[in-house]
Amino acid sequence: MIITAHGTPTPHHPKHPMHTTKKAQSLTHDRTSFSETWTLTVVKQTGPHLELMLESPRYKAFPVGTLSADGKFLQVVAEYLTWTLNIDGNTMSGTGTARNNHTNHYAAQCITMTVAK
């Protein structure tokens, strides 16, 4: 996943105050880019409705998702993020955003995920 961020919008961000001694306010204008591996797990599926677990090296989130009727697209949303993913065989790719409205921090994300073997 490739991420460009203004501030630290979610606890997945390596500079989020949860993982550093800095206060969130001091990072308001910090612009960062980084790439890292995250894991997306389907916890439960009921028809097109998914309960998911998103795990980064620092944090776990529990987004929900909806599959399109043809199974080619997945829309994912959580407290801080929204993704639209195209499904092609063993790969999902797309774009998303993350936002923390309390601190006005935000990020643009390009996502590519492949099935773990």
Protein backbone atom coordinates (compact mmCIF):
# COMPACT_ATOMS: atom_id res chain seq x y z
CA MET A 1 0.00 0.00 0.00
CA ILE A 2 1.32 3.46 -0.89
CA ILE A 3 0.15 6.33 1.31
CA THR A 4 0.69 10.09 1.14
CA ALA A 5 -0.54 11.84 4.26
CA HIS A 6 -1.02 15.32 5.71
CA GLY A 7 -0.66 14.75 9.42
CA THR A 8 -1.47 11.42 11.02
CA PRO A 9 -5.08 10.52 10.16
CA THR A 10 -5.25 7.02 11.64
CA PRO A 11 -3.42 4.85 14.20
CA HIS A 12 -2.03 2.84 11.24
CA HIS A 13 0.28 5.80 10.45
CA PRO A 14 3.83 5.24 11.79
CA LYS A 15 3.96 8.77 13.27
CA HIS A 16 0.55 8.65 14.97
CA PRO A 17 0.78 9.92 18.57
CA MET A 18 -0.22 6.44 19.76
CA HIS A 19 3.22 5.24 18.58
CA THR A 20 5.36 8.27 19.43
CA THR A 21 5.92 10.70 22.27
CA LYS A 22 4.87 13.67 20.08
CA LYS A 23 1.46 15.25 20.46
CA ALA A 24 -0.96 15.15 17.51
CA GLN A 25 -0.97 18.94 17.24
CA SER A 26 2.77 19.04 16.54
CA LEU A 27 2.26 16.79 13.50
CA THR A 28 -0.54 18.81 11.90
CA HIS A 29 1.61 20.03 8.98
CA ASP A 30 3.81 16.95 8.69
CA ARG A 31 3.51 15.51 5.17
CA THR A 32 4.72 11.95 4.79
CA SER A 33 4.73 9.17 2.24
CA PHE A 34 5.27 5.53 3.04
CA SER A 35 4.64 2.02 1.79
CA GLU A 36 4.03 -1.03 3.95
CA THR A 37 2.26 -4.36 4.10
CA TRP A 38 -1.19 -4.60 5.68
CA THR A 39 -3.45 -7.64 6.05
CA LEU A 40 -7.17 -7.60 5.27
CA THR A 41 -9.14 -10.56 6.65
CA VAL A 42 -12.79 -11.43 6.10
CA VAL A 43 -14.13 -12.13 9.60
CA LYS A 44 -17.73 -12.77 8.54
CA GLN A 45 -19.70 -12.69 5.30
CA THR A 46 -23.48 -12.58 4.92
CA GLY A 47 -24.26 -12.37 1.20
CA PRO A 48 -22.57 -9.22 -0.11
CA HIS A 49 -22.00 -7.80 3.40
CA LEU A 50 -18.56 -8.25 4.96
CA GLU A 51 -17.12 -7.73 8.42
CA LEU A 52 -13.36 -7.26 8.04
CA MET A 53 -10.18 -6.94 10.08
CA LEU A 54 -7.45 -4.62 8.76
CA GLU A 55 -4.09 -5.12 10.43
CA SER A 56 -0.95 -3.02 10.00
CA PRO A 57 2.31 -3.43 11.91
CA ARG A 58 0.92 -1.07 14.58
CA TYR A 59 -2.85 -1.35 14.71
CA LYS A 60 -6.01 -3.38 14.05
CA ALA A 61 -9.22 -1.86 12.67
CA PHE A 62 -12.55 -3.51 11.97
CA PRO A 63 -14.08 -2.02 8.80
CA VAL A 64 -17.16 -3.23 6.99
CA GLY A 65 -17.54 -3.79 3.28
CA THR A 66 -20.08 -4.43 0.55
CA LEU A 67 -19.43 -6.49 -2.57
CA SER A 68 -21.01 -5.46 -5.87
CA ALA A 69 -23.63 -7.82 -7.33
CA ASP A 70 -21.11 -9.10 -9.91
CA GLY A 71 -18.37 -9.56 -7.26
CA LYS A 72 -15.94 -7.29 -9.12
CA PHE A 73 -15.89 -4.37 -6.66
CA LEU A 74 -15.60 -4.00 -2.90
CA GLN A 75 -16.46 -0.80 -1.03
CA VAL A 76 -14.81 -0.64 2.42
CA VAL A 77 -15.45 1.88 5.18
CA ALA A 78 -14.20 2.28 8.76
CA GLU A 79 -14.06 5.08 11.29
CA TYR A 80 -11.17 6.81 9.50
CA LEU A 81 -11.01 5.33 6.00
CA THR A 82 -12.93 4.67 2.79
CA TRP A 83 -11.68 2.42 -0.03
CA THR A 84 -13.03 1.39 -3.42
CA LEU A 85 -11.36 -1.78 -4.66
CA ASN A 86 -11.52 -3.65 -7.98
CA ILE A 87 -11.37 -7.44 -7.64
CA ASP A 88 -9.50 -9.36 -10.34
CA GLY A 89 -8.78 -12.98 -9.50
CA ASN A 90 -6.40 -13.07 -6.54
CA THR A 91 -5.77 -9.31 -6.57
CA MET A 92 -7.69 -6.31 -5.28
CA SER A 93 -6.57 -2.81 -6.19
CA GLY A 94 -7.98 0.67 -5.93
CA THR A 95 -7.82 3.95 -4.11
CA GLY A 96 -8.98 5.34 -0.83
CA THR A 97 -8.82 8.12 1.67
CA ALA A 98 -8.30 8.39 5.40
CA ARG A 99 -9.42 11.35 7.48
CA ASN A 100 -9.43 12.34 11.11
CA ASN A 101 -11.95 15.18 11.38
CA HIS A 102 -10.88 16.00 14.94
CA THR A 103 -7.36 16.99 13.86
CA ASN A 104 -7.99 17.77 10.16
CA HIS A 105 -5.38 15.18 9.15
CA TYR A 106 -5.95 13.24 5.92
CA ALA A 107 -4.31 10.79 3.51
CA ALA A 108 -4.61 9.58 -0.07
CA GLN A 109 -4.05 5.86 -0.56
CA CYS A 110 -3.29 3.58 -3.50
CA ILE A 111 -4.02 0.00 -2.55
CA THR A 112 -2.94 -3.30 -4.10
CA MET A 113 -3.63 -6.52 -2.22
CA THR A 114 -2.96 -10.09 -3.24
CA VAL A 115 -4.19 -13.32 -1.69
CA ALA A 116 -1.73 -14.69 0.87
CA LYS A 117 -0.41 -18.14 0.08
